């Protein structure tokens, strides 16, 4: 599975962005998907995950209620809708795929990673 993330950019605090992650290959629907982020000088952290069937989702406490993860298995794409953005959301965002059915939080459980897309939120 190859992953290509897009949709990052610069936005003011309170604004919105939608990230997309397009996957190649025929096995997208057999993978749980996740979004992670890494801010300068910090470790990569979990943001959100969606099960392969799109039934279950999980979010980091810091984004719960503001971010929504979804997927379209027909388009081999996973999305991250980010609303009410804050300066502390500034980071490089990565999508990832795990050979699992349910949501996956541990980054070590992911098998494939995209290249990352930069989100900059100005206050």
PDB file of N, CA and C in Angstrom:
ATOM      1  N   UNK A   1       0.848  -1.187   0.000  1.00  0.00           N
ATOM      2  CA  UNK A   1       0.000   0.000   0.000  1.00  0.00           C
ATOM      3  C   UNK A   1       0.884   1.238   0.000  1.00  0.00           C
ATOM      4  N   UNK A   2       0.655   2.109  -0.949  1.00  0.00           N
ATOM      5  CA  UNK A   2       1.351   3.396  -0.979  1.00  0.00           C
ATOM      6  C   UNK A   2       0.350   4.491  -0.643  1.00  0.00           C
ATOM      7  N   UNK A   3       0.785   5.437   0.189  1.00  0.00           N
ATOM      8  CA  UNK A   3      -0.106   6.473   0.694  1.00  0.00           C
ATOM      9  C   UNK A   3       0.397   7.845   0.295  1.00  0.00           C
ATOM     10  N   UNK A   4      -0.519   8.697  -0.137  1.00  0.00           N
ATOM     11  CA  UNK A   4      -0.179  10.061  -0.546  1.00  0.00           C
ATOM     12  C   UNK A   4      -1.107  11.027   0.182  1.00  0.00           C
ATOM     13  N   UNK A   5      -0.537  11.781   1.111  1.00  0.00           N
ATOM     14  CA  UNK A   5      -1.323  12.749   1.879  1.00  0.00           C
ATOM     15  C   UNK A   5      -1.310  14.110   1.191  1.00  0.00           C
ATOM     16  N   UNK A   6      -2.405  14.831   1.331  1.00  0.00           N
ATOM     17  CA  UNK A   6      -2.503  16.170   0.750  1.00  0.00           C
ATOM     18  C   UNK A   6      -3.509  16.980   1.550  1.00  0.00           C
ATOM     19  N   UNK A   7      -3.551  18.277   1.244  1.00  0.00           N
ATOM     20  CA  UNK A   7      -4.544  19.138   1.869  1.00  0.00           C
ATOM     21  C   UNK A   7      -4.020  20.046   2.954  1.00  0.00           C
ATOM     22  N   UNK A   8      -2.749  19.910   3.294  1.00  0.00           N
ATOM     23  CA  UNK A   8      -2.189  20.787   4.299  1.00  0.00           C
ATOM     24  C   UNK A   8      -2.063  22.217   3.794  1.00  0.00           C
ATOM     25  N   UNK A   9      -1.779  23.115   4.710  1.00  0.00           N
ATOM     26  CA  UNK A   9      -1.613  24.509   4.331  1.00  0.00           C
ATOM     27  C   UNK A   9      -1.587  25.387   5.556  1.00  0.00           C
ATOM     28  N   UNK A  10      -1.663  26.691   5.309  1.00  0.00           N
ATOM     29  CA  UNK A  10      -1.652  27.674   6.383  1.00  0.00           C
ATOM     30  C   UNK A  10      -3.058  28.208   6.602  1.00  0.00           C
ATOM     31  N   UNK A  11      -3.453  28.291   7.845  1.00  0.00           N
ATOM     32  CA  UNK A  11      -4.799  28.754   8.184  1.00  0.00           C
ATOM     33  C   UNK A  11      -4.733  29.506   9.507  1.00  0.00           C
ATOM     34  N   UNK A  12      -5.665  30.407   9.699  1.00  0.00           N
ATOM     35  CA  UNK A  12      -5.735  31.119  10.967  1.00  0.00           C
ATOM     36  C   UNK A  12      -6.456  30.288  12.016  1.00  0.00           C
ATOM     37  N   UNK A  13      -6.147  30.549  13.255  1.00  0.00           N
ATOM     38  CA  UNK A  13      -6.822  29.863  14.355  1.00  0.00           C
ATOM     39  C   UNK A  13      -8.332  30.041  14.215  1.00  0.00           C
ATOM     40  N   UNK A  14      -9.038  28.931  14.470  1.00  0.00           N
ATOM     41  CA  UNK A  14     -10.485  28.930  14.308  1.00  0.00           C
ATOM     42  C   UNK A  14     -10.940  28.454  12.953  1.00  0.00           C
ATOM     43  N   UNK A  15     -10.024  28.356  12.022  1.00  0.00           N
ATOM     44  CA  UNK A  15     -10.354  27.927  10.677  1.00  0.00           C
ATOM     45  C   UNK A  15     -10.417  26.417  10.533  1.00  0.00           C
ATOM     46  N   UNK A  16     -10.586  25.971   9.294  1.00  0.00           N
ATOM     47  CA  UNK A  16     -10.748  24.548   8.999  1.00  0.00           C
ATOM     48  C   UNK A  16      -9.870  24.126   7.832  1.00  0.00           C
ATOM     49  N   UNK A  17      -9.508  22.864   7.843  1.00  0.00           N
ATOM     50  CA  UNK A  17      -8.809  22.230   6.729  1.00  0.00           C
ATOM     51  C   UNK A  17      -9.293  20.798   6.634  1.00  0.00           C
ATOM     52  N   UNK A  18      -9.225  20.255   5.429  1.00  0.00           N
ATOM     53  CA  UNK A  18      -9.514  18.838   5.264  1.00  0.00           C
ATOM     54  C   UNK A  18      -8.315  18.167   4.609  1.00  0.00           C
ATOM     55  N   UNK A  19      -7.748  17.212   5.296  1.00  0.00           N
ATOM     56  CA  UNK A  19      -6.648  16.427   4.759  1.00  0.00           C
ATOM     57  C   UNK A  19      -7.205  15.192   4.056  1.00  0.00           C
ATOM     58  N   UNK A  20      -6.521  14.807   3.005  1.00  0.00           N
ATOM     59  CA  UNK A  20      -6.874  13.593   2.284  1.00  0.00           C
ATOM     60  C   UNK A  20      -5.657  12.694   2.202  1.00  0.00           C
ATOM     61  N   UNK A  21      -5.905  11.409   2.139  1.00  0.00           N
ATOM     62  CA  UNK A  21      -4.817  10.442   1.988  1.00  0.00           C
ATOM     63  C   UNK A  21      -5.297   9.385   0.992  1.00  0.00           C
ATOM     64  N   UNK A  22      -4.706   9.417  -0.175  1.00  0.00           N
ATOM     65  CA  UNK A  22      -5.075   8.465  -1.225  1.00  0.00           C
ATOM     66  C   UNK A  22      -4.151   7.261  -1.178  1.00  0.00           C
ATOM     67  N   UNK A  23      -4.739   6.084  -1.251  1.00  0.00           N
ATOM     68  CA  UNK A  23      -3.970   4.844  -1.185  1.00  0.00           C
ATOM     69  C   UNK A  23      -3.991   4.127  -2.531  1.00  0.00           C
ATOM     70  N   UNK A  24      -2.876   3.559  -2.875  1.00  0.00           N
ATOM     71  CA  UNK A  24      -2.806   2.744  -4.085  1.00  0.00           C
ATOM     72  C   UNK A  24      -2.974   1.291  -3.690  1.00  0.00           C
ATOM     73  N   UNK A  25      -3.275   0.463  -4.646  1.00  0.00           N
ATOM     74  CA  UNK A  25      -3.423  -0.950  -4.365  1.00  0.00           C
ATOM     75  C   UNK A  25      -4.862  -1.349  -4.108  1.00  0.00           C
ATOM     76  N   UNK A  26      -5.088  -2.651  -4.081  1.00  0.00           N
ATOM     77  CA  UNK A  26      -6.438  -3.180  -3.972  1.00  0.00           C
ATOM     78  C   UNK A  26      -6.822  -3.587  -2.560  1.00  0.00           C
ATOM     79  N   UNK A  27      -5.940  -3.337  -1.598  1.00  0.00           N
ATOM     80  CA  UNK A  27      -6.189  -3.832  -0.253  1.00  0.00           C
ATOM     81  C   UNK A  27      -6.529  -2.730   0.737  1.00  0.00           C
ATOM     82  N   UNK A  28      -6.872  -1.536   0.226  1.00  0.00           N
ATOM     83  CA  UNK A  28      -7.166  -0.424   1.125  1.00  0.00           C
ATOM     84  C   UNK A  28      -8.244  -0.797   2.127  1.00  0.00           C
ATOM     85  N   UNK A  29      -9.309  -1.436   1.682  1.00  0.00           N
ATOM     86  CA  UNK A  29     -10.446  -1.727   2.556  1.00  0.00           C
ATOM     87  C   UNK A  29     -10.135  -2.788   3.598  1.00  0.00           C
ATOM     88  N   UNK A  30      -8.996  -3.436   3.510  1.00  0.00           N
ATOM     89  CA  UNK A  30      -8.621  -4.442   4.494  1.00  0.00           C
ATOM     90  C   UNK A  30      -7.710  -3.860   5.578  1.00  0.00           C
ATOM     91  N   UNK A  31      -7.478  -2.553   5.518  1.00  0.00           N
ATOM     92  CA  UNK A  31      -6.589  -1.897   6.481  1.00  0.00           C
ATOM     93  C   UNK A  31      -7.337  -0.879   7.324  1.00  0.00           C
ATOM     94  N   UNK A  32      -7.040  -0.880   8.608  1.00  0.00           N
ATOM     95  CA  UNK A  32      -7.422   0.251   9.440  1.00  0.00           C
ATOM     96  C   UNK A  32      -6.522   1.424   9.056  1.00  0.00           C
ATOM     97  N   UNK A  33      -7.052   2.618   9.181  1.00  0.00           N
ATOM     98  CA  UNK A  33      -6.293   3.804   8.796  1.00  0.00           C
ATOM     99  C   UNK A  33      -6.159   4.764   9.972  1.00  0.00           C
ATOM    100  N   UNK A  34      -5.087   5.510   9.961  1.00  0.00           N
ATOM    101  CA  UNK A  34      -4.877   6.464  11.042  1.00  0.00           C
ATOM    102  C   UNK A  34      -4.196   7.726  10.565  1.00  0.00           C
ATOM    103  N   UNK A  35      -4.343   8.759  11.375  1.00  0.00           N
ATOM    104  CA  UNK A  35      -3.621  10.016  11.182  1.00  0.00           C
ATOM    105  C   UNK A  35      -2.770  10.265  12.426  1.00  0.00           C
ATOM    106  N   UNK A  36      -1.553  10.684  12.191  1.00  0.00           N
ATOM    107  CA  UNK A  36      -0.631  11.064  13.243  1.00  0.00           C
ATOM    108  C   UNK A  36      -0.073  12.443  12.911  1.00  0.00           C
ATOM    109  N   UNK A  37       0.541  13.068  13.885  1.00  0.00           N
ATOM    110  CA  UNK A  37       1.174  14.360  13.614  1.00  0.00           C
ATOM    111  C   UNK A  37       2.445  14.491  14.427  1.00  0.00           C
ATOM    112  N   UNK A  38       3.330  15.314  13.900  1.00  0.00           N
ATOM    113  CA  UNK A  38       4.598  15.567  14.583  1.00  0.00           C
ATOM    114  C   UNK A  38       4.911  17.045  14.500  1.00  0.00           C
ATOM    115  N   UNK A  39       4.947  17.681  15.653  1.00  0.00           N
ATOM    116  CA  UNK A  39       5.297  19.095  15.740  1.00  0.00           C
ATOM    117  C   UNK A  39       6.806  19.220  15.897  1.00  0.00           C
ATOM    118  N   UNK A  40       7.373  20.373  15.551  1.00  0.00           N
ATOM    119  CA  UNK A  40       8.826  20.563  15.680  1.00  0.00           C
ATOM    120  C   UNK A  40       9.304  20.286  17.094  1.00  0.00           C
ATOM    121  N   UNK A  41      10.320  19.435  17.206  1.00  0.00           N
ATOM    122  CA  UNK A  41      10.898  19.137  18.506  1.00  0.00           C
ATOM    123  C   UNK A  41      10.100  18.170  19.357  1.00  0.00           C
ATOM    124  N   UNK A  42       9.027  17.623  18.800  1.00  0.00           N
ATOM    125  CA  UNK A  42       8.192  16.703  19.565  1.00  0.00           C
ATOM    126  C   UNK A  42       8.122  15.351  18.867  1.00  0.00           C
ATOM    127  N   UNK A  43       7.688  14.360  19.608  1.00  0.00           N
ATOM    128  CA  UNK A  43       7.521  13.031  19.039  1.00  0.00           C
ATOM    129  C   UNK A  43       6.215  12.947  18.245  1.00  0.00           C
ATOM    130  N   UNK A  44       6.179  11.998  17.352  1.00  0.00           N
ATOM    131  CA  UNK A  44       4.960  11.766  16.588  1.00  0.00           C
ATOM    132  C   UNK A  44       3.859  11.303  17.534  1.00  0.00           C
ATOM    133  N   UNK A  45       2.657  11.849  17.357  1.00  0.00           N
ATOM    134  CA  UNK A  45       1.558  11.491  18.240  1.00  0.00           C
ATOM    135  C   UNK A  45       0.325  11.079  17.452  1.00  0.00           C
ATOM    136  N   UNK A  46      -0.453  10.222  18.063  1.00  0.00           N
ATOM    137  CA  UNK A  46      -1.702   9.746  17.480  1.00  0.00           C
ATOM    138  C   UNK A  46      -2.715  10.881  17.423  1.00  0.00           C
ATOM    139  N   UNK A  47      -3.458  10.926  16.299  1.00  0.00           N
ATOM    140  CA  UNK A  47      -4.527  11.914  16.148  1.00  0.00           C
ATOM    141  C   UNK A  47      -5.888  11.213  16.060  1.00  0.00           C
ATOM    142  N   UNK A  48      -6.005  10.286  15.115  1.00  0.00           N
ATOM    143  CA  UNK A  48      -7.296   9.627  14.902  1.00  0.00           C
ATOM    144  C   UNK A  48      -7.103   8.339  14.129  1.00  0.00           C
ATOM    145  N   UNK A  49      -8.053   7.426  14.302  1.00  0.00           N
ATOM    146  CA  UNK A  49      -8.019   6.169  13.563  1.00  0.00           C
ATOM    147  C   UNK A  49      -9.442   5.762  13.206  1.00  0.00           C
ATOM    148  N   UNK A  50      -9.573   5.052  12.094  1.00  0.00           N
ATOM    149  CA  UNK A  50     -10.868   4.529  11.664  1.00  0.00           C
ATOM    150  C   UNK A  50     -10.690   3.066  11.293  1.00  0.00           C
ATOM    151  N   UNK A  51     -11.665   2.251  11.673  1.00  0.00           N
ATOM    152  CA  UNK A  51     -11.598   0.829  11.361  1.00  0.00           C
ATOM    153  C   UNK A  51     -11.767   0.609   9.862  1.00  0.00           C
ATOM    154  N   UNK A  52     -11.423  -0.574   9.414  1.00  0.00           N
ATOM    155  CA  UNK A  52     -11.462  -0.823   7.976  1.00  0.00           C
ATOM    156  C   UNK A  52     -12.879  -0.797   7.426  1.00  0.00           C
ATOM    157  N   UNK A  53     -13.859  -1.061   8.276  1.00  0.00           N
ATOM    158  CA  UNK A  53     -15.251  -1.047   7.849  1.00  0.00           C
ATOM    159  C   UNK A  53     -15.905   0.323   8.006  1.00  0.00           C
ATOM    160  N   UNK A  54     -15.145   1.287   8.542  1.00  0.00           N
ATOM    161  CA  UNK A  54     -15.661   2.649   8.793  1.00  0.00           C
ATOM    162  C   UNK A  54     -16.723   2.675   9.891  1.00  0.00           C
ATOM    163  N   UNK A  55     -16.766   1.638  10.714  1.00  0.00           N
ATOM    164  CA  UNK A  55     -17.760   1.596  11.788  1.00  0.00           C
ATOM    165  C   UNK A  55     -17.239   2.245  13.054  1.00  0.00           C
ATOM    166  N   UNK A  56     -15.957   2.049  13.337  1.00  0.00           N
ATOM    167  CA  UNK A  56     -15.388   2.545  14.588  1.00  0.00           C
ATOM    168  C   UNK A  56     -14.343   3.616  14.325  1.00  0.00           C
ATOM    169  N   UNK A  57     -14.310   4.592  15.233  1.00  0.00           N
ATOM    170  CA  UNK A  57     -13.285   5.635  15.174  1.00  0.00           C
ATOM    171  C   UNK A  57     -12.726   5.872  16.574  1.00  0.00           C
ATOM    172  N   UNK A  58     -11.547   6.454  16.614  1.00  0.00           N
ATOM    173  CA  UNK A  58     -10.920   6.813  17.881  1.00  0.00           C
ATOM    174  C   UNK A  58     -10.148   8.102  17.676  1.00  0.00           C
ATOM    175  N   UNK A  59     -10.137   8.961  18.723  1.00  0.00           N
ATOM    176  CA  UNK A  59      -9.490  10.256  18.624  1.00  0.00           C
ATOM    177  C   UNK A  59      -8.625  10.522  19.840  1.00  0.00           C
ATOM    178  N   UNK A  60      -7.576  11.284  19.630  1.00  0.00           N
ATOM    179  CA  UNK A  60      -6.815  11.811  20.756  1.00  0.00           C
ATOM    180  C   UNK A  60      -7.701  12.823  21.487  1.00  0.00           C
ATOM    181  N   UNK A  61      -7.520  12.916  22.783  1.00  0.00           N
ATOM    182  CA  UNK A  61      -8.328  13.853  23.576  1.00  0.00           C
ATOM    183  C   UNK A  61      -8.169  15.289  23.083  1.00  0.00           C
ATOM    184  N   UNK A  62      -6.999  15.609  22.583  1.00  0.00           N
ATOM    185  CA  UNK A  62      -6.711  16.986  22.179  1.00  0.00           C
ATOM    186  C   UNK A  62      -7.489  17.419  20.941  1.00  0.00           C
ATOM    187  N   UNK A  63      -8.010  16.460  20.178  1.00  0.00           N
ATOM    188  CA  UNK A  63      -8.724  16.815  18.951  1.00  0.00           C
ATOM    189  C   UNK A  63     -10.185  16.380  18.974  1.00  0.00           C
ATOM    190  N   UNK A  64     -10.564  15.671  20.012  1.00  0.00           N
ATOM    191  CA  UNK A  64     -11.931  15.151  20.085  1.00  0.00           C
ATOM    192  C   UNK A  64     -12.936  16.300  20.040  1.00  0.00           C
ATOM    193  N   UNK A  65     -13.937  16.144  19.194  1.00  0.00           N
ATOM    194  CA  UNK A  65     -14.952  17.183  19.059  1.00  0.00           C
ATOM    195  C   UNK A  65     -14.607  18.235  18.019  1.00  0.00           C
ATOM    196  N   UNK A  66     -13.364  18.253  17.547  1.00  0.00           N
ATOM    197  CA  UNK A  66     -12.942  19.221  16.531  1.00  0.00           C
ATOM    198  C   UNK A  66     -12.564  18.539  15.217  1.00  0.00           C
ATOM    199  N   UNK A  67     -11.987  17.350  15.287  1.00  0.00           N
ATOM    200  CA  UNK A  67     -11.530  16.620  14.113  1.00  0.00           C
ATOM    201  C   UNK A  67     -12.457  15.431  13.858  1.00  0.00           C
ATOM    202  N   UNK A  68     -12.608  15.087  12.580  1.00  0.00           N
ATOM    203  CA  UNK A  68     -13.398  13.925  12.192  1.00  0.00           C
ATOM    204  C   UNK A  68     -12.638  13.127  11.144  1.00  0.00           C
ATOM    205  N   UNK A  69     -12.444  11.857  11.425  1.00  0.00           N
ATOM    206  CA  UNK A  69     -11.805  10.959  10.459  1.00  0.00           C
ATOM    207  C   UNK A  69     -12.898  10.180   9.738  1.00  0.00           C
ATOM    208  N   UNK A  70     -12.711   9.990   8.445  1.00  0.00           N
ATOM    209  CA  UNK A  70     -13.665   9.202   7.669  1.00  0.00           C
ATOM    210  C   UNK A  70     -12.913   8.549   6.514  1.00  0.00           C
ATOM    211  N   UNK A  71     -13.561   7.610   5.873  1.00  0.00           N
ATOM    212  CA  UNK A  71     -12.923   6.940   4.744  1.00  0.00           C
ATOM    213  C   UNK A  71     -13.958   6.627   3.683  1.00  0.00           C
ATOM    214  N   UNK A  72     -13.476   6.538   2.462  1.00  0.00           N
ATOM    215  CA  UNK A  72     -14.302   6.141   1.325  1.00  0.00           C
ATOM    216  C   UNK A  72     -13.576   4.977   0.658  1.00  0.00           C
ATOM    217  N   UNK A  73     -14.018   3.784   0.952  1.00  0.00           N
ATOM    218  CA  UNK A  73     -13.322   2.604   0.429  1.00  0.00           C
ATOM    219  C   UNK A  73     -13.441   2.491  -1.086  1.00  0.00           C
ATOM    220  N   UNK A  74     -14.474   3.076  -1.651  1.00  0.00           N
ATOM    221  CA  UNK A  74     -14.623   3.049  -3.104  1.00  0.00           C
ATOM    222  C   UNK A  74     -13.577   3.929  -3.787  1.00  0.00           C
ATOM    223  N   UNK A  75     -13.118   4.956  -3.073  1.00  0.00           N
ATOM    224  CA  UNK A  75     -12.116   5.878  -3.617  1.00  0.00           C
ATOM    225  C   UNK A  75     -10.728   5.642  -3.042  1.00  0.00           C
ATOM    226  N   UNK A  76     -10.600   4.623  -2.184  1.00  0.00           N
ATOM    227  CA  UNK A  76      -9.299   4.333  -1.553  1.00  0.00           C
ATOM    228  C   UNK A  76      -8.724   5.567  -0.858  1.00  0.00           C
ATOM    229  N   UNK A  77      -9.566   6.283  -0.154  1.00  0.00           N
ATOM    230  CA  UNK A  77      -9.144   7.541   0.446  1.00  0.00           C
ATOM    231  C   UNK A  77      -9.645   7.647   1.879  1.00  0.00           C
ATOM    232  N   UNK A  78      -8.781   8.187   2.738  1.00  0.00           N
ATOM    233  CA  UNK A  78      -9.171   8.509   4.103  1.00  0.00           C
ATOM    234  C   UNK A  78      -9.024  10.015   4.281  1.00  0.00           C
ATOM    235  N   UNK A  79      -9.919  10.586   5.071  1.00  0.00           N
ATOM    236  CA  UNK A  79      -9.958  12.024   5.255  1.00  0.00           C
ATOM    237  C   UNK A  79      -9.793  12.382   6.733  1.00  0.00           C
ATOM    238  N   UNK A  80      -9.327  13.602   6.959  1.00  0.00           N
ATOM    239  CA  UNK A  80      -9.320  14.161   8.298  1.00  0.00           C
ATOM    240  C   UNK A  80      -9.848  15.581   8.196  1.00  0.00           C
ATOM    241  N   UNK A  81     -11.091  15.762   8.635  1.00  0.00           N
ATOM    242  CA  UNK A  81     -11.688  17.094   8.665  1.00  0.00           C
ATOM    243  C   UNK A  81     -11.293  17.758   9.980  1.00  0.00           C
ATOM    244  N   UNK A  82     -10.646  18.903   9.873  1.00  0.00           N
ATOM    245  CA  UNK A  82     -10.143  19.597  11.058  1.00  0.00           C
ATOM    246  C   UNK A  82     -10.835  20.943  11.181  1.00  0.00           C
ATOM    247  N   UNK A  83     -11.603  21.101  12.243  1.00  0.00           N
ATOM    248  CA  UNK A  83     -12.324  22.343  12.498  1.00  0.00           C
ATOM    249  C   UNK A  83     -11.799  23.011  13.757  1.00  0.00           C
ATOM    250  N   UNK A  84     -12.107  24.275  13.891  1.00  0.00           N
ATOM    251  CA  UNK A  84     -11.711  25.058  15.078  1.00  0.00           C
ATOM    252  C   UNK A  84     -10.225  24.846  15.389  1.00  0.00           C
ATOM    253  N   UNK A  85      -9.421  25.010  14.381  1.00  0.00           N
ATOM    254  CA  UNK A  85      -7.987  24.755  14.526  1.00  0.00           C
ATOM    255  C   UNK A  85      -7.343  25.714  15.509  1.00  0.00           C
ATOM    256  N   UNK A  86      -6.338  25.201  16.199  1.00  0.00           N
ATOM    257  CA  UNK A  86      -5.595  25.969  17.180  1.00  0.00           C
ATOM    258  C   UNK A  86      -4.121  26.017  16.779  1.00  0.00           C
ATOM    259  N   UNK A  87      -3.404  26.954  17.338  1.00  0.00           N
ATOM    260  CA  UNK A  87      -1.981  27.070  17.029  1.00  0.00           C
ATOM    261  C   UNK A  87      -1.245  25.771  17.376  1.00  0.00           C
ATOM    262  N   UNK A  88      -1.676  25.112  18.430  1.00  0.00           N
ATOM    263  CA  UNK A  88      -1.009  23.882  18.858  1.00  0.00           C
ATOM    264  C   UNK A  88      -1.298  22.690  17.942  1.00  0.00           C
ATOM    265  N   UNK A  89      -2.157  22.875  16.951  1.00  0.00           N
ATOM    266  CA  UNK A  89      -2.379  21.832  15.945  1.00  0.00           C
ATOM    267  C   UNK A  89      -1.319  21.888  14.837  1.00  0.00           C
ATOM    268  N   UNK A  90      -0.479  22.909  14.858  1.00  0.00           N
ATOM    269  CA  UNK A  90       0.583  23.036  13.857  1.00  0.00           C
ATOM    270  C   UNK A  90       1.523  21.839  13.923  1.00  0.00           C
ATOM    271  N   UNK A  91       1.673  21.154  12.782  1.00  0.00           N
ATOM    272  CA  UNK A  91       2.495  19.942  12.734  1.00  0.00           C
ATOM    273  C   UNK A  91       2.507  19.409  11.311  1.00  0.00           C
ATOM    274  N   UNK A  92       3.371  18.457  11.092  1.00  0.00           N
ATOM    275  CA  UNK A  92       3.295  17.659   9.875  1.00  0.00           C
ATOM    276  C   UNK A  92       2.361  16.485  10.175  1.00  0.00           C
ATOM    277  N   UNK A  93       1.375  16.307   9.333  1.00  0.00           N
ATOM    278  CA  UNK A  93       0.378  15.263   9.529  1.00  0.00           C
ATOM    279  C   UNK A  93       0.672  14.095   8.589  1.00  0.00           C
ATOM    280  N   UNK A  94       0.645  12.903   9.146  1.00  0.00           N
ATOM    281  CA  UNK A  94       0.926  11.687   8.403  1.00  0.00           C
ATOM    282  C   UNK A  94      -0.281  10.757   8.432  1.00  0.00           C
ATOM    283  N   UNK A  95      -0.567  10.131   7.308  1.00  0.00           N
ATOM    284  CA  UNK A  95      -1.552   9.066   7.306  1.00  0.00           C
ATOM    285  C   UNK A  95      -0.804   7.727   7.309  1.00  0.00           C
ATOM    286  N   UNK A  96      -1.484   6.720   7.817  1.00  0.00           N
ATOM    287  CA  UNK A  96      -0.858   5.414   7.939  1.00  0.00           C
ATOM    288  C   UNK A  96      -1.910   4.325   7.810  1.00  0.00           C
ATOM    289  N   UNK A  97      -1.459   3.139   7.414  1.00  0.00           N
ATOM    290  CA  UNK A  97      -2.342   1.992   7.243  1.00  0.00           C
ATOM    291  C   UNK A  97      -1.838   0.823   8.070  1.00  0.00           C
ATOM    292  N   UNK A  98      -2.771   0.152   8.744  1.00  0.00           N
ATOM    293  CA  UNK A  98      -2.434  -0.995   9.581  1.00  0.00           C
ATOM    294  C   UNK A  98      -3.230  -2.216   9.129  1.00  0.00           C
ATOM    295  N   UNK A  99      -2.564  -3.352   9.141  1.00  0.00           N
ATOM    296  CA  UNK A  99      -3.237  -4.602   8.756  1.00  0.00           C
ATOM    297  C   UNK A  99      -4.074  -5.096   9.928  1.00  0.00           C
ATOM    298  N   UNK A 100      -5.160  -4.407  10.171  1.00  0.00           N
ATOM    299  CA  UNK A 100      -6.024  -4.714  11.298  1.00  0.00           C
ATOM    300  C   UNK A 100      -7.450  -4.327  10.946  1.00  0.00           C
ATOM    301  N   UNK A 101      -8.392  -4.906  11.692  1.00  0.00           N
ATOM    302  CA  UNK A 101      -9.806  -4.618  11.439  1.00  0.00           C
ATOM    303  C   UNK A 101     -10.294  -3.395  12.214  1.00  0.00           C
ATOM    304  N   UNK A 102      -9.916  -3.327  13.477  1.00  0.00           N
ATOM    305  CA  UNK A 102     -10.399  -2.252  14.334  1.00  0.00           C
ATOM    306  C   UNK A 102      -9.466  -1.054  14.333  1.00  0.00           C
ATOM    307  N   UNK A 103      -9.821  -0.059  15.132  1.00  0.00           N
ATOM    308  CA  UNK A 103      -8.986   1.134  15.228  1.00  0.00           C
ATOM    309  C   UNK A 103      -7.635   0.769  15.830  1.00  0.00           C
ATOM    310  N   UNK A 104      -6.621   1.512  15.444  1.00  0.00           N
ATOM    311  CA  UNK A 104      -5.257   1.258  15.904  1.00  0.00           C
ATOM    312  C   UNK A 104      -4.660   2.568  16.387  1.00  0.00           C
ATOM    313  N   UNK A 105      -4.165   2.570  17.615  1.00  0.00           N
ATOM    314  CA  UNK A 105      -3.624   3.790  18.216  1.00  0.00           C
ATOM    315  C   UNK A 105      -2.103   3.781  18.239  1.00  0.00           C
ATOM    316  N   UNK A 106      -1.525   2.628  18.436  1.00  0.00           N
ATOM    317  CA  UNK A 106      -0.076   2.517  18.562  1.00  0.00           C
ATOM    318  C   UNK A 106       0.601   2.680  17.199  1.00  0.00           C
ATOM    319  N   UNK A 107       1.476   3.674  17.030  1.00  0.00           N
ATOM    320  CA  UNK A 107       2.117   3.862  15.730  1.00  0.00           C
ATOM    321  C   UNK A 107       2.967   2.676  15.300  1.00  0.00           C
ATOM    322  N   UNK A 108       3.445   1.894  16.247  1.00  0.00           N
ATOM    323  CA  UNK A 108       4.273   0.736  15.907  1.00  0.00           C
ATOM    324  C   UNK A 108       3.456  -0.363  15.245  1.00  0.00           C
ATOM    325  N   UNK A 109       2.145  -0.279  15.322  1.00  0.00           N
ATOM    326  CA  UNK A 109       1.269  -1.282  14.723  1.00  0.00           C
ATOM    327  C   UNK A 109       0.921  -0.956  13.277  1.00  0.00           C
ATOM    328  N   UNK A 110       1.384   0.182  12.787  1.00  0.00           N
ATOM    329  CA  UNK A 110       1.095   0.564  11.410  1.00  0.00           C
ATOM    330  C   UNK A 110       2.189   0.056  10.478  1.00  0.00           C
ATOM    331  N   UNK A 111       1.760  -0.410   9.320  1.00  0.00           N
ATOM    332  CA  UNK A 111       2.675  -1.031   8.375  1.00  0.00           C
ATOM    333  C   UNK A 111       3.132  -0.075   7.269  1.00  0.00           C
ATOM    334  N   UNK A 112       2.280   0.888   6.935  1.00  0.00           N
ATOM    335  CA  UNK A 112       2.578   1.773   5.816  1.00  0.00           C
ATOM    336  C   UNK A 112       2.334   3.223   6.248  1.00  0.00           C
ATOM    337  N   UNK A 113       3.194   4.117   5.750  1.00  0.00           N
ATOM    338  CA  UNK A 113       3.099   5.532   6.096  1.00  0.00           C
ATOM    339  C   UNK A 113       3.165   6.387   4.847  1.00  0.00           C
ATOM    340  N   UNK A 114       2.404   7.486   4.860  1.00  0.00           N
ATOM    341  CA  UNK A 114       2.506   8.473   3.812  1.00  0.00           C
ATOM    342  C   UNK A 114       3.642   9.439   4.097  1.00  0.00           C
ATOM    343  N   UNK A 115       3.842  10.398   3.214  1.00  0.00           N
ATOM    344  CA  UNK A 115       4.999  11.285   3.306  1.00  0.00           C
ATOM    345  C   UNK A 115       4.768  12.486   4.203  1.00  0.00           C
ATOM    346  N   UNK A 116       3.555  12.765   4.599  1.00  0.00           N
ATOM    347  CA  UNK A 116       3.279  13.886   5.478  1.00  0.00           C
ATOM    348  C   UNK A 116       2.865  15.140   4.732  1.00  0.00           C
ATOM    349  N   UNK A 117       1.999  15.914   5.365  1.00  0.00           N
ATOM    350  CA  UNK A 117       1.572  17.199   4.814  1.00  0.00           C
ATOM    351  C   UNK A 117       1.556  18.204   5.969  1.00  0.00           C
ATOM    352  N   UNK A 118       2.088  19.396   5.703  1.00  0.00           N
ATOM    353  CA  UNK A 118       2.287  20.388   6.745  1.00  0.00           C
ATOM    354  C   UNK A 118       1.034  21.226   6.965  1.00  0.00           C
ATOM    355  N   UNK A 119       0.650  21.337   8.229  1.00  0.00           N
ATOM    356  CA  UNK A 119      -0.456  22.200   8.634  1.00  0.00           C
ATOM    357  C   UNK A 119       0.113  23.272   9.564  1.00  0.00           C
ATOM    358  N   UNK A 120      -0.105  24.523   9.220  1.00  0.00           N
ATOM    359  CA  UNK A 120       0.377  25.642  10.024  1.00  0.00           C
ATOM    360  C   UNK A 120      -0.814  26.491  10.424  1.00  0.00           C
ATOM    361  N   UNK A 121      -1.007  26.639  11.732  1.00  0.00           N
ATOM    362  CA  UNK A 121      -2.121  27.423  12.248  1.00  0.00           C
ATOM    363  C   UNK A 121      -1.551  28.639  12.965  1.00  0.00           C
ATOM    364  N   UNK A 122      -1.927  29.802  12.508  1.00  0.00           N
ATOM    365  CA  UNK A 122      -1.431  31.046  13.098  1.00  0.00           C
ATOM    366  C   UNK A 122      -2.483  31.615  14.051  1.00  0.00           C
ATOM    367  N   UNK A 123      -1.979  32.130  15.154  1.00  0.00           N
ATOM    368  CA  UNK A 123      -2.907  32.679  16.166  1.00  0.00           C
ATOM    369  C   UNK A 123      -3.098  34.169  15.994  1.00  0.00           C
TER     370      UNK A 123
END
